Amino acid sequence: MEPTATSGNLDSFIEAAKGKGASDEFLVNLLREQGWPAKDIHAAFRRRYENLTGLALPAHGGNAGESARDAFLYLLVYATLATWTTALGSLVFTFIDRWFPDRLAQPTYENSRYAVSSEMACIIVAFPVFLFVMRFILRDVEGHPEKVESGVRKWLTYIALLITAGIVIGDLITFLTFFLRGELTARFVLKSLTVLIIAGSIFWYYLGFLKRGAENVPA
């Protein structure tokens, strides 16, 4: 790929700075402080050393396998996340229905008992798996900081953010609709708040997950 005018300016700056004795680490930190993306900085250094050696940077043979493994881990962690958070929300809904019964609906405590059992089972199984896989991912990223720039990681995390953002927006729209109609009840407010807290917490955590990853890109 031919360098653009912008990347050409970056290449010229790095070459001039190296000629004055600047270290690679200093230049990487300096450029990152100026807002240059890590991938552009690494690409510029790759071009420089390819020109110096006359050799193309060798490709890592295990990239395909590692990408497939990363995709499996992220899909598993998000699948288990969806499982236990959905079960948690349903469990809270069940208790809300018990604590604030609908006078027009006939109570079905037997169905509630079965619902609670199913929801608890989902949480007991999915939550530990989620914690284990998420911990493995965090350790893997710490041990291999270059994976912060993984396309698999970014794509799947942004898809999770999109889904949770959609849930939050839909919840707020529904709440506002019932508010404008004057049809708010304690049951409905508590259920809307439950959805907002769960989905909002997921969105906030994984947005921070991406930001923390960007801050940990190797210099």
Protein backbone atom coordinates (compact mmCIF):
# COMPACT_ATOMS: atom_id res chain seq x y z
CA MET A 1 0.00 0.00 0.00
CA GLU A 2 1.37 3.40 -1.01
CA PRO A 3 1.70 5.89 1.86
CA THR A 4 -0.65 8.88 1.77
CA ALA A 5 0.47 12.50 2.11
CA THR A 6 -0.31 12.38 5.83
CA SER A 7 1.60 9.14 6.40
CA GLY A 8 4.42 10.56 4.26
CA ASN A 9 4.69 13.54 6.61
CA LEU A 10 4.73 11.12 9.56
CA ASP A 11 7.48 9.06 7.91
CA SER A 12 9.55 12.20 7.26
CA PHE A 13 9.17 13.38 10.85
CA ILE A 14 10.21 10.01 12.26
CA GLU A 15 13.20 9.84 9.92
CA ALA A 16 14.34 13.36 10.89
CA ALA A 17 13.85 12.69 14.60
CA LYS A 18 15.76 9.41 14.42
CA GLY A 19 18.56 11.30 12.69
CA LYS A 20 18.76 13.55 15.77
CA GLY A 21 19.03 10.54 18.08
CA ALA A 22 15.41 10.21 19.26
CA SER A 23 14.50 6.75 20.48
CA ASP A 24 11.61 4.70 19.11
CA GLU A 25 9.91 4.69 22.51
CA PHE A 26 10.13 8.48 22.82
CA LEU A 27 8.70 9.01 19.35
CA VAL A 28 5.83 6.56 19.91
CA ASN A 29 4.85 8.30 23.16
CA LEU A 30 5.19 11.74 21.59
CA LEU A 31 3.03 10.87 18.59
CA ARG A 32 0.38 9.21 20.77
CA GLU A 33 0.19 12.34 22.91
CA GLN A 34 -0.45 14.28 19.71
CA GLY A 35 -3.42 12.05 18.92
CA TRP A 36 -1.89 9.75 16.31
CA PRO A 37 -3.56 6.31 16.28
CA ALA A 38 -1.32 3.46 17.40
CA LYS A 39 -1.86 1.57 14.14
CA ASP A 40 -0.60 4.55 12.08
CA ILE A 41 2.48 4.91 14.29
CA HIS A 42 3.29 1.20 14.05
CA ALA A 43 2.74 1.28 10.28
CA ALA A 44 5.18 4.19 9.94
CA PHE A 45 7.86 2.35 11.92
CA ARG A 46 7.21 -0.79 9.90
CA ARG A 47 7.78 1.13 6.66
CA ARG A 48 10.97 2.67 8.06
CA TYR A 49 12.53 -0.61 9.09
CA GLU A 50 11.40 -2.36 5.92
CA ASN A 51 13.24 0.33 3.95
CA LEU A 52 16.33 0.02 6.16
CA THR A 53 16.51 -3.77 5.91
CA GLY A 54 15.16 -4.12 2.40
CA LEU A 55 12.89 -6.89 3.69
CA ALA A 56 9.14 -6.99 4.13
CA LEU A 57 7.87 -7.56 7.65
CA PRO A 58 7.23 -11.32 7.94
CA ALA A 59 3.63 -12.30 8.53
CA HIS A 60 2.75 -14.16 11.70
CA GLY A 61 1.54 -17.60 10.68
CA GLY A 62 -0.80 -18.01 13.64
CA ASN A 63 -2.99 -14.97 13.05
CA ALA A 64 -5.90 -16.91 11.55
CA GLY A 65 -5.98 -19.41 14.39
CA GLU A 66 -5.67 -16.70 17.03
CA SER A 67 -8.46 -14.66 15.42
CA ALA A 68 -10.72 -17.71 15.42
CA ARG A 69 -9.92 -18.36 19.07
CA ASP A 70 -10.53 -14.71 19.99
CA ALA A 71 -13.86 -14.77 18.13
CA PHE A 72 -14.86 -17.90 20.04
CA LEU A 73 -13.95 -16.34 23.40
CA TYR A 74 -15.75 -13.06 22.74
CA LEU A 75 -18.84 -14.78 21.35
CA LEU A 76 -18.90 -17.06 24.39
CA VAL A 77 -18.51 -14.20 26.85
CA TYR A 78 -21.27 -12.16 25.21
CA ALA A 79 -23.57 -15.17 24.92
CA THR A 80 -23.19 -15.95 28.62
CA LEU A 81 -23.52 -12.24 29.44
CA ALA A 82 -26.82 -12.10 27.57
CA THR A 83 -27.99 -15.30 29.28
CA TRP A 84 -27.37 -14.31 32.89
CA THR A 85 -28.37 -10.65 32.53
CA THR A 86 -31.64 -11.62 30.83
CA ALA A 87 -32.29 -14.15 33.59
CA LEU A 88 -31.44 -11.53 36.22
CA GLY A 89 -33.87 -9.07 34.68
CA SER A 90 -36.59 -11.72 34.49
CA LEU A 91 -35.94 -12.67 38.11
CA VAL A 92 -36.35 -9.07 39.22
CA PHE A 93 -39.52 -8.80 37.12
CA THR A 94 -40.92 -11.89 38.86
CA PHE A 95 -40.32 -10.39 42.29
CA ILE A 96 -41.79 -7.07 41.20
CA ASP A 97 -44.94 -8.91 40.07
CA ARG A 98 -45.10 -10.59 43.47
CA TRP A 99 -44.51 -7.40 45.46
CA PHE A 100 -46.80 -5.23 43.30
CA PRO A 101 -49.51 -7.60 42.06
CA ASP A 102 -51.84 -6.63 39.26
CA ARG A 103 -55.33 -6.62 40.73
CA LEU A 104 -56.86 -7.38 37.35
CA ALA A 105 -54.70 -10.47 36.84
CA GLN A 106 -55.14 -13.65 38.81
CA PRO A 107 -51.96 -14.49 40.78
CA THR A 108 -50.17 -17.64 39.69
CA TYR A 109 -47.66 -18.38 42.42
CA GLU A 110 -46.93 -21.85 41.06
CA ASN A 111 -45.83 -20.38 37.73
CA SER A 112 -43.75 -17.80 39.61
CA ARG A 113 -41.96 -20.56 41.50
CA TYR A 114 -41.09 -22.37 38.28
CA ALA A 115 -39.97 -19.09 36.68
CA VAL A 116 -37.68 -18.30 39.61
CA SER A 117 -36.14 -21.79 39.44
CA SER A 118 -35.40 -21.41 35.73
CA GLU A 119 -33.97 -17.91 36.13
CA MET A 120 -31.78 -18.93 39.06
CA ALA A 121 -30.46 -21.91 37.09
CA CYS A 122 -29.47 -19.65 34.18
CA ILE A 123 -27.63 -17.28 36.51
CA ILE A 124 -25.87 -20.04 38.46
CA VAL A 125 -24.54 -21.64 35.26
CA ALA A 126 -23.92 -18.68 32.95
CA PHE A 127 -22.51 -16.13 35.42
CA PRO A 128 -19.45 -18.18 36.53
CA VAL A 129 -18.69 -19.08 32.91
CA PHE A 130 -18.90 -15.40 31.98
CA LEU A 131 -16.54 -14.42 34.82
CA PHE A 132 -14.05 -17.16 33.95
CA VAL A 133 -13.92 -16.34 30.22
CA MET A 134 -13.83 -12.58 30.82
CA ARG A 135 -10.95 -13.01 33.25
CA PHE A 136 -9.11 -15.15 30.69
CA ILE A 137 -9.63 -12.46 28.03
CA LEU A 138 -8.34 -9.69 30.31
CA ARG A 139 -5.24 -11.70 31.18
CA ASP A 140 -4.66 -12.50 27.51
CA VAL A 141 -4.85 -8.82 26.59
CA GLU A 142 -2.45 -7.93 29.42
CA GLY A 143 0.01 -10.56 28.23
CA HIS A 144 -0.37 -9.61 24.55
CA PRO A 145 -1.13 -5.85 24.42
CA GLU A 146 -1.13 -5.90 20.62
CA LYS A 147 -4.50 -7.68 20.79
CA VAL A 148 -6.04 -4.39 21.89
CA GLU A 149 -6.09 -3.49 18.19
CA SER A 150 -7.73 -6.82 17.24
CA GLY A 151 -10.52 -6.35 14.73
CA VAL A 152 -12.43 -9.26 16.27
CA ARG A 153 -12.32 -7.63 19.71
CA LYS A 154 -13.44 -4.24 18.43
CA TRP A 155 -16.20 -5.48 16.12
CA LEU A 156 -17.85 -7.79 18.63
CA THR A 157 -17.55 -5.30 21.47
CA TYR A 158 -19.07 -2.52 19.39
CA ILE A 159 -21.90 -4.85 18.35
CA ALA A 160 -22.55 -5.54 22.06
CA LEU A 161 -22.52 -1.79 22.71
CA LEU A 162 -24.96 -1.24 19.85
CA ILE A 163 -27.38 -3.83 21.22
CA THR A 164 -27.26 -2.46 24.76
CA ALA A 165 -27.60 1.12 23.52
CA GLY A 166 -30.67 0.05 21.54
CA ILE A 167 -32.17 -1.55 24.65
CA VAL A 168 -31.56 1.58 26.73
CA ILE A 169 -33.03 3.84 24.06
CA GLY A 170 -36.06 1.58 23.61
CA ASP A 171 -36.60 1.45 27.37
CA LEU A 172 -36.48 5.25 27.65
CA ILE A 173 -38.89 5.67 24.72
CA THR A 174 -41.34 3.21 26.27
CA PHE A 175 -41.11 4.92 29.66
CA LEU A 176 -41.69 8.35 28.11
CA THR A 177 -44.64 7.03 26.09
CA PHE A 178 -46.41 5.70 29.18
CA PHE A 179 -45.51 8.86 31.11
CA LEU A 180 -47.11 11.08 28.45
CA ARG A 181 -50.20 8.88 28.47
CA GLY A 182 -50.43 9.13 32.24
CA GLU A 183 -50.33 5.34 32.56
CA LEU A 184 -47.31 4.95 34.82
CA THR A 185 -47.58 2.42 37.63
CA ALA A 186 -45.11 1.34 40.31
CA ARG A 187 -44.71 -2.03 38.54
CA PHE A 188 -43.91 -0.41 35.21
CA VAL A 189 -41.50 2.16 36.67
CA LEU A 190 -39.55 -0.52 38.57
CA LYS A 191 -39.35 -2.76 35.51
CA SER A 192 -38.16 0.11 33.32
CA LEU A 193 -35.58 1.03 35.93
CA THR A 194 -34.39 -2.59 36.07
CA VAL A 195 -33.83 -2.70 32.30
CA LEU A 196 -32.10 0.69 32.37
CA ILE A 197 -29.72 -0.31 35.17
CA ILE A 198 -28.76 -3.68 33.68
CA ALA A 199 -28.34 -2.53 30.06
CA GLY A 200 -26.76 0.78 31.08
CA SER A 201 -24.23 -0.98 33.32
CA ILE A 202 -23.23 -3.32 30.50
CA PHE A 203 -22.85 -0.39 28.08
CA TRP A 204 -20.79 1.62 30.57
CA TYR A 205 -18.50 -1.30 31.43
CA TYR A 206 -17.71 -2.30 27.85
CA LEU A 207 -17.27 1.29 26.73
CA GLY A 208 -14.67 1.57 29.48
CA PHE A 209 -13.27 -1.80 28.38
CA LEU A 210 -12.53 -0.36 24.95
CA LYS A 211 -11.07 2.83 26.41
CA ARG A 212 -8.85 0.96 28.83
CA GLY A 213 -7.65 -1.19 25.98
CA ALA A 214 -6.75 1.86 23.88
CA GLU A 215 -4.76 3.29 26.80
CA ASN A 216 -2.81 0.04 27.13
CA VAL A 217 -1.61 -0.11 23.53
CA PRO A 218 2.11 -0.89 23.69
CA ALA A 219 4.36 2.10 23.21
